[in-house]
Amino acid sequence: PEFVADLDRLVGREGVAATALFPSGQVEVAGRRFEAKLAVGFASAGTKIVVRGRSDFSLIVEVVA
């Protein structure tokens, strides 16, 4: 489906946590909000993230070091 292809295109892109990720929440990437989950840890809203992959209908992200 088109939505899944959109998620695949976001892998490697940077964004920002729109909500706290504890470990799940929302991120903003490419001007759009997505459900996301941190692979490890916690991030406050406003933290820079990078998309590392996707699950069924959400993104897997990491904090940018």
PDB file of N, CA and C in Angstrom:
ATOM      1  N   PRO A   1       0.815  -1.218   0.000  1.00  0.00           N
ATOM      2  CA  PRO A   1       0.000   0.000   0.000  1.00  0.00           C
ATOM      3  C   PRO A   1       0.844   1.260   0.000  1.00  0.00           C
ATOM      4  N   GLU A   2       0.252   2.342  -0.400  1.00  0.00           N
ATOM      5  CA  GLU A   2       0.955   3.609  -0.513  1.00  0.00           C
ATOM      6  C   GLU A   2       1.501   4.086   0.829  1.00  0.00           C
ATOM      7  N   PHE A   3       0.743   3.913   1.920  1.00  0.00           N
ATOM      8  CA  PHE A   3       1.187   4.365   3.238  1.00  0.00           C
ATOM      9  C   PHE A   3       2.479   3.674   3.653  1.00  0.00           C
ATOM     10  N   VAL A   4       2.583   2.380   3.403  1.00  0.00           N
ATOM     11  CA  VAL A   4       3.784   1.619   3.766  1.00  0.00           C
ATOM     12  C   VAL A   4       4.972   2.111   2.951  1.00  0.00           C
ATOM     13  N   ALA A   5       4.769   2.385   1.677  1.00  0.00           N
ATOM     14  CA  ALA A   5       5.845   2.902   0.837  1.00  0.00           C
ATOM     15  C   ALA A   5       6.309   4.261   1.354  1.00  0.00           C
ATOM     16  N   ASP A   6       5.359   5.100   1.819  1.00  0.00           N
ATOM     17  CA  ASP A   6       5.727   6.397   2.399  1.00  0.00           C
ATOM     18  C   ASP A   6       6.626   6.212   3.613  1.00  0.00           C
ATOM     19  N   LEU A   7       6.300   5.246   4.474  1.00  0.00           N
ATOM     20  CA  LEU A   7       7.125   4.987   5.656  1.00  0.00           C
ATOM     21  C   LEU A   7       8.515   4.512   5.255  1.00  0.00           C
ATOM     22  N   ASP A   8       8.604   3.653   4.258  1.00  0.00           N
ATOM     23  CA  ASP A   8       9.905   3.157   3.808  1.00  0.00           C
ATOM     24  C   ASP A   8      10.798   4.298   3.320  1.00  0.00           C
ATOM     25  N   ARG A   9      10.226   5.291   2.676  1.00  0.00           N
ATOM     26  CA  ARG A   9      11.007   6.421   2.153  1.00  0.00           C
ATOM     27  C   ARG A   9      11.563   7.315   3.257  1.00  0.00           C
ATOM     28  N   LEU A  10      11.052   7.184   4.457  1.00  0.00           N
ATOM     29  CA  LEU A  10      11.513   8.026   5.560  1.00  0.00           C
ATOM     30  C   LEU A  10      12.746   7.469   6.266  1.00  0.00           C
ATOM     31  N   VAL A  11      13.097   6.228   6.009  1.00  0.00           N
ATOM     32  CA  VAL A  11      14.261   5.623   6.664  1.00  0.00           C
ATOM     33  C   VAL A  11      15.508   6.448   6.332  1.00  0.00           C
ATOM     34  N   GLY A  12      16.237   6.841   7.380  1.00  0.00           N
ATOM     35  CA  GLY A  12      17.441   7.651   7.231  1.00  0.00           C
ATOM     36  C   GLY A  12      17.191   9.141   7.389  1.00  0.00           C
ATOM     37  N   ARG A  13      15.936   9.573   7.365  1.00  0.00           N
ATOM     38  CA  ARG A  13      15.610  10.989   7.509  1.00  0.00           C
ATOM     39  C   ARG A  13      15.621  11.389   8.980  1.00  0.00           C
ATOM     40  N   GLU A  14      15.971  12.641   9.236  1.00  0.00           N
ATOM     41  CA  GLU A  14      15.943  13.172  10.591  1.00  0.00           C
ATOM     42  C   GLU A  14      14.644  13.914  10.836  1.00  0.00           C
ATOM     43  N   GLY A  15      14.268  13.999  12.099  1.00  0.00           N
ATOM     44  CA  GLY A  15      13.064  14.715  12.499  1.00  0.00           C
ATOM     45  C   GLY A  15      13.169  15.090  13.953  1.00  0.00           C
ATOM     46  N   VAL A  16      12.016  15.315  14.570  1.00  0.00           N
ATOM     47  CA  VAL A  16      11.977  15.737  15.963  1.00  0.00           C
ATOM     48  C   VAL A  16      10.838  15.010  16.669  1.00  0.00           C
ATOM     49  N   ALA A  17      11.040  14.712  17.932  1.00  0.00           N
ATOM     50  CA  ALA A  17       9.979  14.099  18.732  1.00  0.00           C
ATOM     51  C   ALA A  17       8.912  15.161  18.991  1.00  0.00           C
ATOM     52  N   ALA A  18       7.697  14.917  18.519  1.00  0.00           N
ATOM     53  CA  ALA A  18       6.597  15.863  18.718  1.00  0.00           C
ATOM     54  C   ALA A  18       5.994  15.702  20.112  1.00  0.00           C
ATOM     55  N   THR A  19       6.088  14.489  20.651  1.00  0.00           N
ATOM     56  CA  THR A  19       5.669  14.186  22.018  1.00  0.00           C
ATOM     57  C   THR A  19       6.819  13.438  22.677  1.00  0.00           C
ATOM     58  N   ALA A  20       6.734  13.235  23.969  1.00  0.00           N
ATOM     59  CA  ALA A  20       7.733  12.389  24.632  1.00  0.00           C
ATOM     60  C   ALA A  20       7.628  10.979  24.051  1.00  0.00           C
ATOM     61  N   LEU A  21       8.770  10.343  23.884  1.00  0.00           N
ATOM     62  CA  LEU A  21       8.828   8.952  23.417  1.00  0.00           C
ATOM     63  C   LEU A  21       9.219   8.110  24.620  1.00  0.00           C
ATOM     64  N   PHE A  22       8.283   7.318  25.111  1.00  0.00           N
ATOM     65  CA  PHE A  22       8.477   6.623  26.386  1.00  0.00           C
ATOM     66  C   PHE A  22       8.095   5.149  26.324  1.00  0.00           C
ATOM     67  N   PRO A  23       8.477   4.287  25.471  1.00  0.00           N
ATOM     68  CA  PRO A  23       9.299   4.557  24.298  1.00  0.00           C
ATOM     69  C   PRO A  23       8.484   4.936  23.068  1.00  0.00           C
ATOM     70  N   SER A  24       7.132   4.924  23.148  1.00  0.00           N
ATOM     71  CA  SER A  24       6.312   5.265  21.991  1.00  0.00           C
ATOM     72  C   SER A  24       5.753   6.673  22.107  1.00  0.00           C
ATOM     73  N   GLY A  25       5.420   7.256  20.973  1.00  0.00           N
ATOM     74  CA  GLY A  25       4.831   8.585  20.920  1.00  0.00           C
ATOM     75  C   GLY A  25       4.717   9.016  19.476  1.00  0.00           C
ATOM     76  N   GLN A  26       4.826  10.309  19.241  1.00  0.00           N
ATOM     77  CA  GLN A  26       4.733  10.839  17.887  1.00  0.00           C
ATOM     78  C   GLN A  26       5.977  11.637  17.545  1.00  0.00           C
ATOM     79  N   VAL A  27       6.366  11.535  16.276  1.00  0.00           N
ATOM     80  CA  VAL A  27       7.491  12.299  15.757  1.00  0.00           C
ATOM     81  C   VAL A  27       7.021  13.091  14.550  1.00  0.00           C
ATOM     82  N   GLU A  28       7.776  14.129  14.230  1.00  0.00           N
ATOM     83  CA  GLU A  28       7.511  14.897  13.017  1.00  0.00           C
ATOM     84  C   GLU A  28       8.715  14.738  12.098  1.00  0.00           C
ATOM     85  N   VAL A  29       8.445  14.240  10.904  1.00  0.00           N
ATOM     86  CA  VAL A  29       9.473  14.029   9.891  1.00  0.00           C
ATOM     87  C   VAL A  29       8.910  14.530   8.571  1.00  0.00           C
ATOM     88  N   ALA A  30       9.683  15.313   7.858  1.00  0.00           N
ATOM     89  CA  ALA A  30       9.272  15.823   6.541  1.00  0.00           C
ATOM     90  C   ALA A  30       7.931  16.556   6.621  1.00  0.00           C
ATOM     91  N   GLY A  31       7.712  17.287   7.718  1.00  0.00           N
ATOM     92  CA  GLY A  31       6.515  18.088   7.856  1.00  0.00           C
ATOM     93  C   GLY A  31       5.244  17.331   8.203  1.00  0.00           C
ATOM     94  N   ARG A  32       5.353  16.042   8.517  1.00  0.00           N
ATOM     95  CA  ARG A  32       4.186  15.229   8.870  1.00  0.00           C
ATOM     96  C   ARG A  32       4.425  14.515  10.194  1.00  0.00           C
ATOM     97  N   ARG A  33       3.336  14.240  10.920  1.00  0.00           N
ATOM     98  CA  ARG A  33       3.430  13.504  12.190  1.00  0.00           C
ATOM     99  C   ARG A  33       3.190  12.024  11.957  1.00  0.00           C
ATOM    100  N   PHE A  34       3.959  11.229  12.689  1.00  0.00           N
ATOM    101  CA  PHE A  34       3.842   9.777  12.602  1.00  0.00           C
ATOM    102  C   PHE A  34       3.925   9.176  13.993  1.00  0.00           C
ATOM    103  N   GLU A  35       3.260   8.060  14.193  1.00  0.00           N
ATOM    104  CA  GLU A  35       3.454   7.264  15.398  1.00  0.00           C
ATOM    105  C   GLU A  35       4.846   6.672  15.307  1.00  0.00           C
ATOM    106  N   ALA A  36       5.537   6.604  16.431  1.00  0.00           N
ATOM    107  CA  ALA A  36       6.913   6.109  16.418  1.00  0.00           C
ATOM    108  C   ALA A  36       7.248   5.440  17.736  1.00  0.00           C
ATOM    109  N   LYS A  37       8.318   4.658  17.696  1.00  0.00           N
ATOM    110  CA  LYS A  37       8.813   3.974  18.888  1.00  0.00           C
ATOM    111  C   LYS A  37      10.330   4.039  18.878  1.00  0.00           C
ATOM    112  N   LEU A  38      10.889   4.373  20.045  1.00  0.00           N
ATOM    113  CA  LEU A  38      12.345   4.338  20.196  1.00  0.00           C
ATOM    114  C   LEU A  38      12.794   2.892  20.329  1.00  0.00           C
ATOM    115  N   ALA A  39      13.881   2.561  19.689  1.00  0.00           N
ATOM    116  CA  ALA A  39      14.443   1.220  19.831  1.00  0.00           C
ATOM    117  C   ALA A  39      14.906   0.991  21.270  1.00  0.00           C
ATOM    118  N   VAL A  40      15.477   2.039  21.885  1.00  0.00           N
ATOM    119  CA  VAL A  40      15.995   1.946  23.249  1.00  0.00           C
ATOM    120  C   VAL A  40      15.841   3.300  23.928  1.00  0.00           C
ATOM    121  N   GLY A  41      15.383   3.299  25.177  1.00  0.00           N
ATOM    122  CA  GLY A  41      15.417   4.505  25.985  1.00  0.00           C
ATOM    123  C   GLY A  41      14.190   5.382  25.935  1.00  0.00           C
ATOM    124  N   PHE A  42      14.410   6.664  26.248  1.00  0.00           N
ATOM    125  CA  PHE A  42      13.376   7.678  26.402  1.00  0.00           C
ATOM    126  C   PHE A  42      13.855   8.963  25.748  1.00  0.00           C
ATOM    127  N   ALA A  43      12.936   9.733  25.175  1.00  0.00           N
ATOM    128  CA  ALA A  43      13.283  11.041  24.618  1.00  0.00           C
ATOM    129  C   ALA A  43      12.175  12.031  24.928  1.00  0.00           C
ATOM    130  N   SER A  44      12.559  13.239  25.288  1.00  0.00           N
ATOM    131  CA  SER A  44      11.607  14.314  25.542  1.00  0.00           C
ATOM    132  C   SER A  44      11.126  14.912  24.223  1.00  0.00           C
ATOM    133  N   ALA A  45       9.963  15.560  24.264  1.00  0.00           N
ATOM    134  CA  ALA A  45       9.484  16.302  23.096  1.00  0.00           C
ATOM    135  C   ALA A  45      10.548  17.319  22.701  1.00  0.00           C
ATOM    136  N   GLY A  46      10.771  17.470  21.411  1.00  0.00           N
ATOM    137  CA  GLY A  46      11.775  18.400  20.908  1.00  0.00           C
ATOM    138  C   GLY A  46      13.130  17.773  20.631  1.00  0.00           C
ATOM    139  N   THR A  47      13.321  16.525  21.051  1.00  0.00           N
ATOM    140  CA  THR A  47      14.589  15.829  20.826  1.00  0.00           C
ATOM    141  C   THR A  47      14.723  15.457  19.352  1.00  0.00           C
ATOM    142  N   LYS A  48      15.918  15.665  18.787  1.00  0.00           N
ATOM    143  CA  LYS A  48      16.157  15.274  17.397  1.00  0.00           C
ATOM    144  C   LYS A  48      16.250  13.754  17.301  1.00  0.00           C
ATOM    145  N   ILE A  49      15.610  13.212  16.267  1.00  0.00           N
ATOM    146  CA  ILE A  49      15.608  11.767  16.051  1.00  0.00           C
ATOM    147  C   ILE A  49      15.979  11.459  14.587  1.00  0.00           C
ATOM    148  N   VAL A  50      16.326  10.204  14.348  1.00  0.00           N
ATOM    149  CA  VAL A  50      16.536   9.720  12.986  1.00  0.00           C
ATOM    150  C   VAL A  50      15.731   8.432  12.829  1.00  0.00           C
ATOM    151  N   VAL A  51      15.116   8.271  11.674  1.00  0.00           N
ATOM    152  CA  VAL A  51      14.309   7.087  11.394  1.00  0.00           C
ATOM    153  C   VAL A  51      15.237   5.948  10.990  1.00  0.00           C
ATOM    154  N   ARG A  52      15.127   4.809  11.700  1.00  0.00           N
ATOM    155  CA  ARG A  52      15.973   3.650  11.425  1.00  0.00           C
ATOM    156  C   ARG A  52      15.215   2.514  10.745  1.00  0.00           C
ATOM    157  N   GLY A  53      13.890   2.550  10.789  1.00  0.00           N
ATOM    158  CA  GLY A  53      13.102   1.487  10.172  1.00  0.00           C
ATOM    159  C   GLY A  53      11.635   1.724  10.434  1.00  0.00           C
ATOM    160  N   ARG A  54      10.835   0.698  10.187  1.00  0.00           N
ATOM    161  CA  ARG A  54       9.405   0.804  10.439  1.00  0.00           C
ATOM    162  C   ARG A  54       8.867  -0.527  10.907  1.00  0.00           C
ATOM    163  N   SER A  55       7.756  -0.465  11.618  1.00  0.00           N
ATOM    164  CA  SER A  55       7.002  -1.667  11.958  1.00  0.00           C
ATOM    165  C   SER A  55       5.722  -1.595  11.139  1.00  0.00           C
ATOM    166  N   ASP A  56       4.687  -2.290  11.515  1.00  0.00           N
ATOM    167  CA  ASP A  56       3.481  -2.338  10.695  1.00  0.00           C
ATOM    168  C   ASP A  56       2.992  -0.954  10.265  1.00  0.00           C
ATOM    169  N   PHE A  57       2.709  -0.086  11.215  1.00  0.00           N
ATOM    170  CA  PHE A  57       2.187   1.232  10.870  1.00  0.00           C
ATOM    171  C   PHE A  57       2.843   2.341  11.666  1.00  0.00           C
ATOM    172  N   SER A  58       4.084   2.135  12.077  1.00  0.00           N
ATOM    173  CA  SER A  58       4.797   3.174  12.805  1.00  0.00           C
ATOM    174  C   SER A  58       6.272   3.121  12.455  1.00  0.00           C
ATOM    175  N   LEU A  59       6.992   4.146  12.895  1.00  0.00           N
ATOM    176  CA  LEU A  59       8.420   4.245  12.621  1.00  0.00           C
ATOM    177  C   LEU A  59       9.220   3.783  13.828  1.00  0.00           C
ATOM    178  N   ILE A  60      10.394   3.235  13.568  1.00  0.00           N
ATOM    179  CA  ILE A  60      11.360   2.896  14.603  1.00  0.00           C
ATOM    180  C   ILE A  60      12.441   3.984  14.513  1.00  0.00           C
ATOM    181  N   VAL A  61      12.669   4.674  15.633  1.00  0.00           N
ATOM    182  CA  VAL A  61      13.578   5.816  15.613  1.00  0.00           C
ATOM    183  C   VAL A  61      14.671   5.689  16.666  1.00  0.00           C
ATOM    184  N   GLU A  62      15.727   6.486  16.500  1.00  0.00           N
ATOM    185  CA  GLU A  62      16.810   6.613  17.476  1.00  0.00           C
ATOM    186  C   GLU A  62      17.045   8.088  17.726  1.00  0.00           C
ATOM    187  N   VAL A  63      17.538   8.399  18.900  1.00  0.00           N
ATOM    188  CA  VAL A  63      17.938   9.768  19.218  1.00  0.00           C
ATOM    189  C   VAL A  63      19.210  10.089  18.445  1.00  0.00           C
ATOM    190  N   VAL A  64      19.282  11.278  17.859  1.00  0.00           N
ATOM    191  CA  VAL A  64      20.486  11.712  17.154  1.00  0.00           C
ATOM    192  C   VAL A  64      21.521  12.075  18.212  1.00  0.00           C
ATOM    193  N   ALA A  65      22.693  11.472  18.115  1.00  0.00           N
ATOM    194  CA  ALA A  65      23.755  11.727  19.099  1.00  0.00           C
ATOM    195  C   ALA A  65      24.517  12.985  18.783  1.00  0.00           C
TER     196      ALA A  65
END
